[in-house]
C-alpha atoms as a PDB file:
ATOM      1  CA  MET A   1      10.546  -7.207  11.673  1.00  0.00           C
ATOM      2  CA  LEU A   2      11.539  -7.277   7.851  1.00  0.00           C
ATOM      3  CA  LEU A   3      10.658  -3.191   7.466  1.00  0.00           C
ATOM      4  CA  LEU A   4      13.276  -3.016  10.632  1.00  0.00           C
ATOM      5  CA  LEU A   5      15.808  -4.810   8.766  1.00  0.00           C
ATOM      6  CA  ARG A   6      15.409  -3.362   5.666  1.00  0.00           C
ATOM      7  CA  LEU A   7      15.729   0.374   7.710  1.00  0.00           C
ATOM      8  CA  VAL A   8      19.284  -0.888   9.391  1.00  0.00           C
ATOM      9  CA  ILE A   9      20.990  -1.827   5.689  1.00  0.00           C
ATOM     10  CA  ASN A  10      20.001   1.318   4.608  1.00  0.00           C
ATOM     11  CA  ALA A  11      21.065   2.748   7.463  1.00  0.00           C
ATOM     12  CA  VAL A  12      24.507   0.792   7.134  1.00  0.00           C
ATOM     13  CA  ALA A  13      24.255   1.354   3.650  1.00  0.00           C
ATOM     14  CA  LEU A  14      24.082   5.363   3.236  1.00  0.00           C
ATOM     15  CA  LEU A  15      26.874   5.264   6.283  1.00  0.00           C
ATOM     16  CA  VAL A  16      29.418   3.483   3.531  1.00  0.00           C
ATOM     17  CA  ALA A  17      28.511   5.863   1.109  1.00  0.00           C
ATOM     18  CA  ALA A  18      29.159   8.604   2.951  1.00  0.00           C
ATOM     19  CA  TRP A  19      32.706   7.484   3.958  1.00  0.00           C
ATOM     20  CA  LEU A  20      33.575   6.377   1.072  1.00  0.00           C
ATOM     21  CA  VAL A  21      32.633   9.088  -1.620  1.00  0.00           C
ATOM     22  CA  PRO A  22      34.045  12.609  -0.670  1.00  0.00           C
ATOM     23  CA  GLY A  23      30.483  14.528  -1.785  1.00  0.00           C
ATOM     24  CA  ILE A  24      28.422  12.984  -0.084  1.00  0.00           C
ATOM     25  CA  TYR A  25      28.263  14.065   3.827  1.00  0.00           C
ATOM     26  CA  LEU A  26      26.798  13.096   6.857  1.00  0.00           C
ATOM     27  CA  SER A  27      27.244  13.906  10.539  1.00  0.00           C
ATOM     28  CA  ALA A  28      27.517  10.377  11.965  1.00  0.00           C
ATOM     29  CA  ALA A  29      30.056   9.768   9.036  1.00  0.00           C
ATOM     30  CA  LYS A  30      32.255  11.935  10.132  1.00  0.00           C
ATOM     31  CA  GLY A  31      33.483  10.800  13.290  1.00  0.00           C
ATOM     32  CA  SER A  32      31.474  11.542  15.929  1.00  0.00           C
ATOM     33  CA  SER A  33      28.818   9.487  17.212  1.00  0.00           C
ATOM     34  CA  THR A  34      26.476  10.978  19.798  1.00  0.00           C
ATOM     35  CA  PRO A  35      22.843   9.750  19.709  1.00  0.00           C
ATOM     36  CA  HIS A  36      21.713  13.032  17.466  1.00  0.00           C
ATOM     37  CA  ASP A  37      24.020  11.647  14.936  1.00  0.00           C
ATOM     38  CA  TRP A  38      22.674   8.225  14.690  1.00  0.00           C
ATOM     39  CA  LEU A  39      19.017   9.689  15.055  1.00  0.00           C
ATOM     40  CA  THR A  40      19.769  11.876  11.960  1.00  0.00           C
ATOM     41  CA  LEU A  41      21.253   7.942   9.806  1.00  0.00           C
ATOM     42  CA  VAL A  42      17.985   6.719  10.629  1.00  0.00           C
ATOM     43  CA  ILE A  43      15.975   9.175   9.970  1.00  0.00           C
ATOM     44  CA  VAL A  44      17.512   9.630   6.756  1.00  0.00           C
ATOM     45  CA  ALA A  45      17.555   5.610   6.259  1.00  0.00           C
ATOM     46  CA  LEU A  46      13.589   5.720   6.591  1.00  0.00           C
ATOM     47  CA  ILE A  47      13.486   8.780   3.232  1.00  0.00           C
ATOM     48  CA  PHE A  48      15.768   7.400   1.521  1.00  0.00           C
ATOM     49  CA  GLY A  49      13.363   3.800   1.767  1.00  0.00           C
ATOM     50  CA  VAL A  50      10.029   5.411   1.569  1.00  0.00           C
ATOM     51  CA  VAL A  51      11.724   7.535  -1.696  1.00  0.00           C
ATOM     52  CA  ASN A  52      12.310   4.390  -3.267  1.00  0.00           C
ATOM     53  CA  VAL A  53       9.279   2.326  -2.686  1.00  0.00           C
ATOM     54  CA  ILE A  54       6.460   5.190  -3.681  1.00  0.00           C
ATOM     55  CA  ILE A  55       8.906   7.808  -6.125  1.00  0.00           C
ATOM     56  CA  ARG A  56      11.493   5.307  -7.353  1.00  0.00           C
ATOM     57  CA  PRO A  57       8.634   3.242  -9.278  1.00  0.00           C
ATOM     58  CA  ILE A  58       7.163   6.422 -10.895  1.00  0.00           C
ATOM     59  CA  VAL A  59      10.187   7.720 -12.260  1.00  0.00           C
ATOM     60  CA  LEU A  60      11.368   4.240 -13.405  1.00  0.00           C
ATOM     61  CA  LEU A  61       8.128   3.992 -15.399  1.00  0.00           C
ATOM     62  CA  LEU A  62       7.962   7.089 -16.973  1.00  0.00           C
ATOM     63  CA  THR A  63      11.642   6.952 -17.776  1.00  0.00           C
ATOM     64  CA  LEU A  64      10.842   2.850 -19.118  1.00  0.00           C
ATOM     65  CA  PRO A  65      11.468   4.235 -23.094  1.00  0.00           C
ATOM     66  CA  LEU A  66      15.110   5.301 -22.569  1.00  0.00           C
ATOM     67  CA  THR A  67      15.934   2.635 -19.805  1.00  0.00           C
ATOM     68  CA  ILE A  68      15.308   0.145 -22.795  1.00  0.00           C
ATOM     69  CA  LEU A  69      17.165   2.430 -25.388  1.00  0.00           C
ATOM     70  CA  THR A  70      20.495   2.537 -22.868  1.00  0.00           C
ATOM     71  CA  LEU A  71      19.982  -1.468 -22.275  1.00  0.00           C
ATOM     72  CA  GLY A  72      18.957  -0.732 -18.608  1.00  0.00           C
ATOM     73  CA  LEU A  73      21.948   1.633 -18.115  1.00  0.00           C
ATOM     74  CA  PHE A  74      19.685   4.364 -17.254  1.00  0.00           C
ATOM     75  CA  THR A  75      18.462   2.668 -14.109  1.00  0.00           C
ATOM     76  CA  PHE A  76      21.989   4.284 -12.129  1.00  0.00           C
ATOM     77  CA  VAL A  77      21.099   7.743 -13.132  1.00  0.00           C
ATOM     78  CA  VAL A  78      17.698   7.393 -11.431  1.00  0.00           C
ATOM     79  CA  ASN A  79      19.440   5.816  -8.479  1.00  0.00           C
ATOM     80  CA  ALA A  80      21.323   8.472  -8.422  1.00  0.00           C
ATOM     81  CA  LEU A  81      18.588  11.159  -8.232  1.00  0.00           C
ATOM     82  CA  MET A  82      16.714   9.568  -5.472  1.00  0.00           C
ATOM     83  CA  LEU A  83      19.839   9.745  -3.670  1.00  0.00           C
ATOM     84  CA  ILE A  84      19.724  13.377  -4.589  1.00  0.00           C
ATOM     85  CA  LEU A  85      16.185  13.586  -3.657  1.00  0.00           C
ATOM     86  CA  THR A  86      16.718  12.387  -0.444  1.00  0.00           C
ATOM     87  CA  SER A  87      19.366  14.371   0.417  1.00  0.00           C
ATOM     88  CA  TRP A  88      17.128  17.492  -0.778  1.00  0.00           C
ATOM     89  CA  ILE A  89      14.210  16.150   1.412  1.00  0.00           C
ATOM     90  CA  ALA A  90      16.566  15.980   4.654  1.00  0.00           C
ATOM     91  CA  GLU A  91      18.372  19.128   3.877  1.00  0.00           C
ATOM     92  CA  GLY A  92      14.710  21.071   3.561  1.00  0.00           C
ATOM     93  CA  MET A  93      14.213  18.955   7.732  1.00  0.00           C
ATOM     94  CA  GLY A  94      17.618  20.157   8.525  1.00  0.00           C
ATOM     95  CA  LEU A  95      19.235  17.397   8.869  1.00  0.00           C
ATOM     96  CA  GLY A  96      23.041  16.417   8.629  1.00  0.00           C
ATOM     97  CA  PHE A  97      23.360  14.807   5.037  1.00  0.00           C
ATOM     98  CA  ARG A  98      23.657  16.164   1.540  1.00  0.00           C
ATOM     99  CA  VAL A  99      25.152  15.050  -1.986  1.00  0.00           C
ATOM    100  CA  SER A 100      26.892  17.678  -3.146  1.00  0.00           C
ATOM    101  CA  GLY A 101      26.534  16.628  -6.600  1.00  0.00           C
ATOM    102  CA  PHE A 102      25.239  14.421  -9.651  1.00  0.00           C
ATOM    103  CA  TRP A 103      28.469  12.200  -9.775  1.00  0.00           C
ATOM    104  CA  ALA A 104      28.468  12.153  -6.234  1.00  0.00           C
ATOM    105  CA  GLY A 105      25.365  10.914  -6.380  1.00  0.00           C
ATOM    106  CA  PHE A 106      26.072   8.652  -8.974  1.00  0.00           C
ATOM    107  CA  LEU A 107      28.780   6.894  -7.064  1.00  0.00           C
ATOM    108  CA  GLY A 108      27.187   7.070  -3.812  1.00  0.00           C
ATOM    109  CA  ALA A 109      24.269   4.943  -5.576  1.00  0.00           C
ATOM    110  CA  LEU A 110      26.356   2.352  -6.480  1.00  0.00           C
ATOM    111  CA  ILE A 111      27.952   2.253  -3.404  1.00  0.00           C
ATOM    112  CA  VAL A 112      23.959   1.879  -1.445  1.00  0.00           C
ATOM    113  CA  SER A 113      23.425  -0.799  -4.111  1.00  0.00           C
ATOM    114  CA  VAL A 114      26.447  -2.710  -3.744  1.00  0.00           C
ATOM    115  CA  VAL A 115      26.283  -2.020   0.018  1.00  0.00           C
ATOM    116  CA  SER A 116      22.547  -3.415  -0.080  1.00  0.00           C
ATOM    117  CA  PHE A 117      23.031  -6.286  -1.891  1.00  0.00           C
ATOM    118  CA  VAL A 118      25.553  -7.464   0.153  1.00  0.00           C
ATOM    119  CA  LEU A 119      24.058  -7.425   3.384  1.00  0.00           C
ATOM    120  CA  ASN A 120      20.561  -8.981   2.463  1.00  0.00           C
ATOM    121  CA  ARG A 121      21.887 -11.731   0.627  1.00  0.00           C
ATOM    122  CA  LEU A 122      24.035 -12.056   4.069  1.00  0.00           C
ATOM    123  CA  VAL A 123      20.567 -11.947   6.559  1.00  0.00           C
ATOM    124  CA  THR A 124      18.408 -13.352   4.410  1.00  0.00           C
ATOM    125  CA  LYS A 125      17.420 -17.381   4.183  1.00  0.00           C
ATOM    126  CA  ARG A 126      18.299 -18.576   1.057  1.00  0.00           C
ATOM    127  CA  ASP A 127      15.826 -21.565   0.279  1.00  0.00           C
END
């Protein structure tokens, strides 16, 4: 159940980023709402989740000295690179998701992080 919830949160966060950032393109964010577009959104959210679970920790470990040197700000660059990697994988699979450059990825990663944080706070129980 928790995995499905995380997938939905990722999908909503990616949809918001595609809606707000001019350099991020997702067919579901362009106004059409065919079942194929929503399936694309779910698959891209799944790719994004896998990239963040498997690849992001390795990249964070390898860039730890740079992250320490920049007082943690390099993490924003890593997040942007994970979104760009997701775009690269999705394009390779023929999906309608594209990030057109580093700055679009950077801004998109910031938006995805904020939306994910807010949605996680809204749906999880507070002890």
